[in-house]
C-alpha atoms as a PDB file:
ATOM      1  CA  MET A   1      31.656 -65.601  86.102  1.00  0.00           C
ATOM      2  CA  LYS A   2      30.690 -64.914  82.535  1.00  0.00           C
ATOM      3  CA  ARG A   3      32.933 -65.418  79.523  1.00  0.00           C
ATOM      4  CA  ALA A   4      33.358 -62.483  77.215  1.00  0.00           C
ATOM      5  CA  ILE A   5      35.288 -61.399  74.162  1.00  0.00           C
ATOM      6  CA  GLY A   6      36.633 -57.965  73.429  1.00  0.00           C
ATOM      7  CA  LEU A   7      37.950 -56.511  70.219  1.00  0.00           C
ATOM      8  CA  LEU A   8      39.900 -53.464  69.133  1.00  0.00           C
ATOM      9  CA  GLU A   9      40.085 -52.548  65.465  1.00  0.00           C
ATOM     10  CA  LEU A  10      42.799 -49.995  64.771  1.00  0.00           C
ATOM     11  CA  LYS A  11      43.699 -47.848  61.763  1.00  0.00           C
ATOM     12  CA  ASN A  12      47.313 -48.978  61.568  1.00  0.00           C
ATOM     13  CA  ILE A  13      49.413 -52.044  62.143  1.00  0.00           C
ATOM     14  CA  THR A  14      52.065 -50.669  64.509  1.00  0.00           C
ATOM     15  CA  LYS A  15      49.461 -49.226  66.893  1.00  0.00           C
ATOM     16  CA  GLY A  16      47.577 -52.514  66.653  1.00  0.00           C
ATOM     17  CA  ILE A  17      50.582 -54.549  67.717  1.00  0.00           C
ATOM     18  CA  LEU A  18      51.281 -52.104  70.537  1.00  0.00           C
ATOM     19  CA  ALA A  19      47.640 -52.327  71.671  1.00  0.00           C
ATOM     20  CA  ALA A  20      47.718 -56.149  71.541  1.00  0.00           C
ATOM     21  CA  ASP A  21      50.755 -56.219  73.804  1.00  0.00           C
ATOM     22  CA  ALA A  22      49.132 -53.797  76.249  1.00  0.00           C
ATOM     23  CA  MET A  23      45.884 -55.786  76.284  1.00  0.00           C
ATOM     24  CA  LEU A  24      47.685 -59.013  77.147  1.00  0.00           C
ATOM     25  CA  LYS A  25      49.730 -57.336  79.870  1.00  0.00           C
ATOM     26  CA  ALA A  26      46.745 -55.495  81.393  1.00  0.00           C
ATOM     27  CA  ALA A  27      44.603 -58.460  82.396  1.00  0.00           C
ATOM     28  CA  ASN A  28      44.317 -62.220  82.516  1.00  0.00           C
ATOM     29  CA  VAL A  29      42.904 -62.680  79.012  1.00  0.00           C
ATOM     30  CA  GLU A  30      43.458 -65.159  76.203  1.00  0.00           C
ATOM     31  CA  LEU A  31      44.559 -63.899  72.788  1.00  0.00           C
ATOM     32  CA  ILE A  32      42.023 -65.116  70.205  1.00  0.00           C
ATOM     33  CA  LEU A  33      43.058 -63.064  67.187  1.00  0.00           C
ATOM     34  CA  SER A  34      45.800 -60.553  66.431  1.00  0.00           C
ATOM     35  CA  GLN A  35      46.465 -59.742  62.787  1.00  0.00           C
ATOM     36  CA  PRO A  36      46.530 -57.108  60.065  1.00  0.00           C
ATOM     37  CA  LEU A  37      43.476 -56.723  57.832  1.00  0.00           C
ATOM     38  CA  CYS A  38      42.668 -54.778  54.680  1.00  0.00           C
ATOM     39  CA  PRO A  39      43.292 -51.870  54.126  1.00  0.00           C
ATOM     40  CA  GLY A  40      46.201 -51.692  56.566  1.00  0.00           C
ATOM     41  CA  LYS A  41      44.074 -52.049  59.701  1.00  0.00           C
ATOM     42  CA  TYR A  42      44.891 -54.265  62.676  1.00  0.00           C
ATOM     43  CA  VAL A  43      42.470 -56.256  64.803  1.00  0.00           C
ATOM     44  CA  VAL A  44      43.001 -57.724  68.275  1.00  0.00           C
ATOM     45  CA  MET A  45      40.456 -60.012  69.958  1.00  0.00           C
ATOM     46  CA  VAL A  46      40.786 -61.339  73.493  1.00  0.00           C
ATOM     47  CA  GLY A  47      38.618 -63.561  75.666  1.00  0.00           C
ATOM     48  CA  GLY A  48      38.152 -64.123  79.371  1.00  0.00           C
ATOM     49  CA  ASP A  49      36.065 -62.969  82.284  1.00  0.00           C
ATOM     50  CA  VAL A  50      34.025 -59.837  81.624  1.00  0.00           C
ATOM     51  CA  GLY A  51      36.037 -57.579  83.943  1.00  0.00           C
ATOM     52  CA  ALA A  52      39.385 -58.744  82.568  1.00  0.00           C
ATOM     53  CA  VAL A  53      38.241 -58.257  78.968  1.00  0.00           C
ATOM     54  CA  GLN A  54      36.928 -54.763  79.751  1.00  0.00           C
ATOM     55  CA  SER A  55      40.236 -53.865  81.374  1.00  0.00           C
ATOM     56  CA  ALA A  56      42.237 -55.233  78.445  1.00  0.00           C
ATOM     57  CA  VAL A  57      40.194 -53.311  75.858  1.00  0.00           C
ATOM     58  CA  ARG A  58      40.499 -50.073  77.857  1.00  0.00           C
ATOM     59  CA  SER A  59      44.255 -50.550  78.130  1.00  0.00           C
ATOM     60  CA  GLY A  60      44.678 -51.339  74.435  1.00  0.00           C
ATOM     61  CA  LYS A  61      42.596 -48.325  73.472  1.00  0.00           C
ATOM     62  CA  SER A  62      44.617 -46.062  75.737  1.00  0.00           C
ATOM     63  CA  VAL A  63      47.987 -47.264  74.427  1.00  0.00           C
ATOM     64  CA  GLY A  64      46.889 -47.441  70.784  1.00  0.00           C
ATOM     65  CA  GLY A  65      45.334 -43.991  70.969  1.00  0.00           C
ATOM     66  CA  THR A  66      41.618 -43.327  70.674  1.00  0.00           C
ATOM     67  CA  GLU A  67      42.274 -41.447  67.424  1.00  0.00           C
ATOM     68  CA  ASN A  68      43.516 -44.750  65.928  1.00  0.00           C
ATOM     69  CA  VAL A  69      40.504 -46.844  66.954  1.00  0.00           C
ATOM     70  CA  VAL A  70      38.148 -47.705  64.103  1.00  0.00           C
ATOM     71  CA  ASP A  71      35.742 -49.687  66.268  1.00  0.00           C
ATOM     72  CA  GLU A  72      35.635 -51.749  69.458  1.00  0.00           C
ATOM     73  CA  PHE A  73      33.414 -53.907  71.625  1.00  0.00           C
ATOM     74  CA  VAL A  74      33.164 -56.038  74.732  1.00  0.00           C
ATOM     75  CA  LEU A  75      30.558 -58.791  74.393  1.00  0.00           C
ATOM     76  CA  PRO A  76      29.631 -60.772  77.488  1.00  0.00           C
ATOM     77  CA  ASN A  77      27.957 -64.130  76.758  1.00  0.00           C
ATOM     78  CA  ILE A  78      28.774 -64.253  73.054  1.00  0.00           C
ATOM     79  CA  HIS A  79      26.668 -66.736  71.084  1.00  0.00           C
ATOM     80  CA  ALA A  80      28.642 -69.957  70.514  1.00  0.00           C
ATOM     81  CA  ASP A  81      27.941 -69.973  66.746  1.00  0.00           C
ATOM     82  CA  VAL A  82      29.962 -66.777  66.300  1.00  0.00           C
ATOM     83  CA  PHE A  83      33.271 -68.587  66.884  1.00  0.00           C
ATOM     84  CA  GLN A  84      32.562 -71.215  64.216  1.00  0.00           C
ATOM     85  CA  ALA A  85      31.433 -68.519  61.786  1.00  0.00           C
ATOM     86  CA  LEU A  86      34.592 -66.487  62.446  1.00  0.00           C
ATOM     87  CA  SER A  87      36.822 -69.468  61.746  1.00  0.00           C
ATOM     88  CA  GLY A  88      34.880 -70.526  58.651  1.00  0.00           C
ATOM     89  CA  CYS A  89      34.296 -73.973  60.178  1.00  0.00           C
ATOM     90  CA  THR A  90      30.511 -74.025  59.928  1.00  0.00           C
ATOM     91  CA  GLU A  91      29.300 -77.103  58.072  1.00  0.00           C
ATOM     92  CA  VAL A  92      26.770 -75.913  55.511  1.00  0.00           C
ATOM     93  CA  LYS A  93      24.460 -78.691  54.377  1.00  0.00           C
ATOM     94  CA  ALA A  94      21.707 -76.599  52.837  1.00  0.00           C
ATOM     95  CA  ILE A  95      20.767 -72.961  52.541  1.00  0.00           C
ATOM     96  CA  LYS A  96      17.022 -72.550  53.081  1.00  0.00           C
ATOM     97  CA  SER A  97      17.077 -68.781  52.871  1.00  0.00           C
ATOM     98  CA  LEU A  98      20.144 -66.561  52.883  1.00  0.00           C
ATOM     99  CA  GLY A  99      20.685 -63.488  55.040  1.00  0.00           C
ATOM    100  CA  ILE A 100      23.607 -61.094  54.664  1.00  0.00           C
ATOM    101  CA  ILE A 101      24.730 -58.097  56.716  1.00  0.00           C
ATOM    102  CA  GLU A 102      27.574 -55.993  55.290  1.00  0.00           C
ATOM    103  CA  SER A 103      29.492 -53.581  57.494  1.00  0.00           C
ATOM    104  CA  TYR A 104      32.336 -51.088  57.305  1.00  0.00           C
ATOM    105  CA  SER A 105      34.073 -52.551  60.370  1.00  0.00           C
ATOM    106  CA  VAL A 106      35.075 -55.950  61.711  1.00  0.00           C
ATOM    107  CA  ALA A 107      33.863 -55.144  65.211  1.00  0.00           C
ATOM    108  CA  SER A 108      30.390 -54.089  64.069  1.00  0.00           C
ATOM    109  CA  ALA A 109      30.033 -57.245  61.957  1.00  0.00           C
ATOM    110  CA  ILE A 110      30.800 -59.465  64.960  1.00  0.00           C
ATOM    111  CA  VAL A 111      28.314 -57.517  67.103  1.00  0.00           C
ATOM    112  CA  ALA A 112      25.718 -57.878  64.314  1.00  0.00           C
ATOM    113  CA  ALA A 113      26.402 -61.632  64.058  1.00  0.00           C
ATOM    114  CA  ASP A 114      26.040 -62.129  67.812  1.00  0.00           C
ATOM    115  CA  THR A 115      22.807 -60.125  67.894  1.00  0.00           C
ATOM    116  CA  ALA A 116      21.381 -61.943  64.863  1.00  0.00           C
ATOM    117  CA  ALA A 117      22.185 -65.387  66.287  1.00  0.00           C
ATOM    118  CA  LYS A 118      20.499 -64.479  69.575  1.00  0.00           C
ATOM    119  CA  ALA A 119      17.451 -62.894  67.904  1.00  0.00           C
ATOM    120  CA  ALA A 120      16.150 -65.864  65.903  1.00  0.00           C
ATOM    121  CA  ASN A 121      16.676 -69.525  65.125  1.00  0.00           C
ATOM    122  CA  VAL A 122      19.307 -69.147  62.388  1.00  0.00           C
ATOM    123  CA  GLN A 123      22.601 -70.812  61.589  1.00  0.00           C
ATOM    124  CA  LEU A 124      25.495 -68.418  61.170  1.00  0.00           C
ATOM    125  CA  LEU A 125      27.429 -69.460  58.094  1.00  0.00           C
ATOM    126  CA  GLU A 126      30.375 -67.100  58.120  1.00  0.00           C
ATOM    127  CA  VAL A 127      31.676 -63.842  59.506  1.00  0.00           C
ATOM    128  CA  ARG A 128      34.157 -62.788  56.828  1.00  0.00           C
ATOM    129  CA  LEU A 129      36.624 -60.235  58.173  1.00  0.00           C
ATOM    130  CA  ALA A 130      37.974 -57.538  55.861  1.00  0.00           C
ATOM    131  CA  ARG A 131      40.365 -59.702  53.860  1.00  0.00           C
ATOM    132  CA  GLY A 132      40.305 -58.598  50.257  1.00  0.00           C
ATOM    133  CA  MET A 133      37.185 -56.515  50.849  1.00  0.00           C
ATOM    134  CA  GLY A 134      38.617 -53.055  51.447  1.00  0.00           C
ATOM    135  CA  GLY A 135      38.121 -53.223  55.195  1.00  0.00           C
ATOM    136  CA  LYS A 136      34.500 -54.336  55.095  1.00  0.00           C
ATOM    137  CA  ALA A 137      33.104 -57.389  56.853  1.00  0.00           C
ATOM    138  CA  VAL A 138      30.173 -59.644  55.931  1.00  0.00           C
ATOM    139  CA  VAL A 139      27.918 -61.827  58.082  1.00  0.00           C
ATOM    140  CA  SER A 140      25.954 -64.620  56.408  1.00  0.00           C
ATOM    141  CA  MET A 141      23.267 -66.865  57.866  1.00  0.00           C
ATOM    142  CA  THR A 142      20.594 -69.363  56.879  1.00  0.00           C
ATOM    143  CA  GLY A 143      17.336 -70.740  58.248  1.00  0.00           C
ATOM    144  CA  GLU A 144      13.624 -70.361  57.649  1.00  0.00           C
ATOM    145  CA  VAL A 145      12.874 -67.105  55.834  1.00  0.00           C
ATOM    146  CA  GLY A 146      10.996 -65.551  58.787  1.00  0.00           C
ATOM    147  CA  ALA A 147      13.835 -66.309  61.193  1.00  0.00           C
ATOM    148  CA  VAL A 148      16.486 -65.031  58.780  1.00  0.00           C
ATOM    149  CA  THR A 149      14.492 -61.850  58.172  1.00  0.00           C
ATOM    150  CA  ALA A 150      14.172 -61.240  61.925  1.00  0.00           C
ATOM    151  CA  ALA A 151      17.857 -62.002  62.536  1.00  0.00           C
ATOM    152  CA  VAL A 152      19.085 -59.738  59.729  1.00  0.00           C
ATOM    153  CA  LYS A 153      16.850 -56.930  60.983  1.00  0.00           C
ATOM    154  CA  ALA A 154      18.092 -57.309  64.571  1.00  0.00           C
ATOM    155  CA  GLY A 155      21.757 -57.534  63.537  1.00  0.00           C
ATOM    156  CA  SER A 156      21.464 -54.560  61.198  1.00  0.00           C
ATOM    157  CA  ASN A 157      19.598 -52.424  63.735  1.00  0.00           C
ATOM    158  CA  VAL A 158      22.250 -52.896  66.405  1.00  0.00           C
ATOM    159  CA  ILE A 159      24.938 -51.345  64.159  1.00  0.00           C
ATOM    160  CA  LYS A 160      22.821 -48.929  62.096  1.00  0.00           C
ATOM    161  CA  ASP A 161      23.267 -45.907  64.367  1.00  0.00           C
ATOM    162  CA  SER A 162      27.056 -46.339  64.451  1.00  0.00           C
ATOM    163  CA  GLY A 163      27.236 -45.587  60.733  1.00  0.00           C
ATOM    164  CA  PHE A 164      28.959 -48.919  60.027  1.00  0.00           C
ATOM    165  CA  LEU A 165      26.017 -50.642  58.301  1.00  0.00           C
ATOM    166  CA  VAL A 166      26.622 -50.849  54.536  1.00  0.00           C
ATOM    167  CA  ASP A 167      23.664 -52.991  53.489  1.00  0.00           C
ATOM    168  CA  GLN A 168      21.527 -55.989  54.331  1.00  0.00           C
ATOM    169  CA  LEU A 169      19.885 -58.679  52.252  1.00  0.00           C
ATOM    170  CA  VAL A 170      17.508 -61.639  52.568  1.00  0.00           C
ATOM    171  CA  ILE A 171      17.050 -64.070  49.685  1.00  0.00           C
ATOM    172  CA  PRO A 172      14.103 -66.395  50.496  1.00  0.00           C
ATOM    173  CA  ALA A 173      15.154 -69.223  48.164  1.00  0.00           C
ATOM    174  CA  PRO A 174      18.663 -68.764  46.747  1.00  0.00           C
ATOM    175  CA  HIS A 175      19.621 -70.752  43.665  1.00  0.00           C
ATOM    176  CA  HIS A 176      21.535 -73.939  44.560  1.00  0.00           C
ATOM    177  CA  SER A 177      24.567 -72.861  42.508  1.00  0.00           C
ATOM    178  CA  LEU A 178      24.969 -69.825  44.729  1.00  0.00           C
ATOM    179  CA  HIS A 179      25.770 -72.135  47.642  1.00  0.00           C
ATOM    180  CA  GLN A 180      28.980 -73.387  46.000  1.00  0.00           C
ATOM    181  CA  SER A 181      30.169 -69.908  45.052  1.00  0.00           C
ATOM    182  CA  LEU A 182      29.683 -68.483  48.540  1.00  0.00           C
ATOM    183  CA  PHE A 183      31.042 -71.220  50.797  1.00  0.00           C
END
C-alpha cells in the first residue's frame, strides 16, 4: 500500500474545523496539519493509505462545502523532502543556485514542491505556507543551476493552468548575504 497525503484549503476557519473533524471521522488517516492561515483561511492535511486519504478529502470537501474550498489535493508517494521543507527543518549549508515558486494557494505550492523535487536533483529548502503573506505560499530550492531551472519549470507548469501560479524565479549565483535573510 502506498502512503499519501491529502489537503483541503478552505476560505474560512469554522468550515475548516468542521472539515477537519469530518476528515478524521471518515477514514483511518493521521492528522498532519490543521490550522488557520492568512487571510482567514484554514488548512487541513492528513496522511495515510491512498484510499483512506481520498475518502477523507472527499468527506471534508462535502461537509465544508465545495463553495468554501480554495484548493485541494491528494498526493500518493509524496517526495520525502517535502515534509522537511514544510516544517522548516531543512539544513541549508550552501545555496548554489536559488529557485522560487510563488503561488496563490497552499495546496498548489505543496503540489509544485513535490513535482519539482521529483523532476530534478534539487534540495527543497522551504515550503512557506501563507503566514504573513496574504494567503500566498512560496517554495524555495537549491542545487546546480540546470537542475533548479528544470525543477522550477516542472513545479510551475503543474500549477500554471489552475491559475494559482504567481511567479517563478531562478538566481544562478545568489549573493551570500541573501542566504541569511531567507533562511
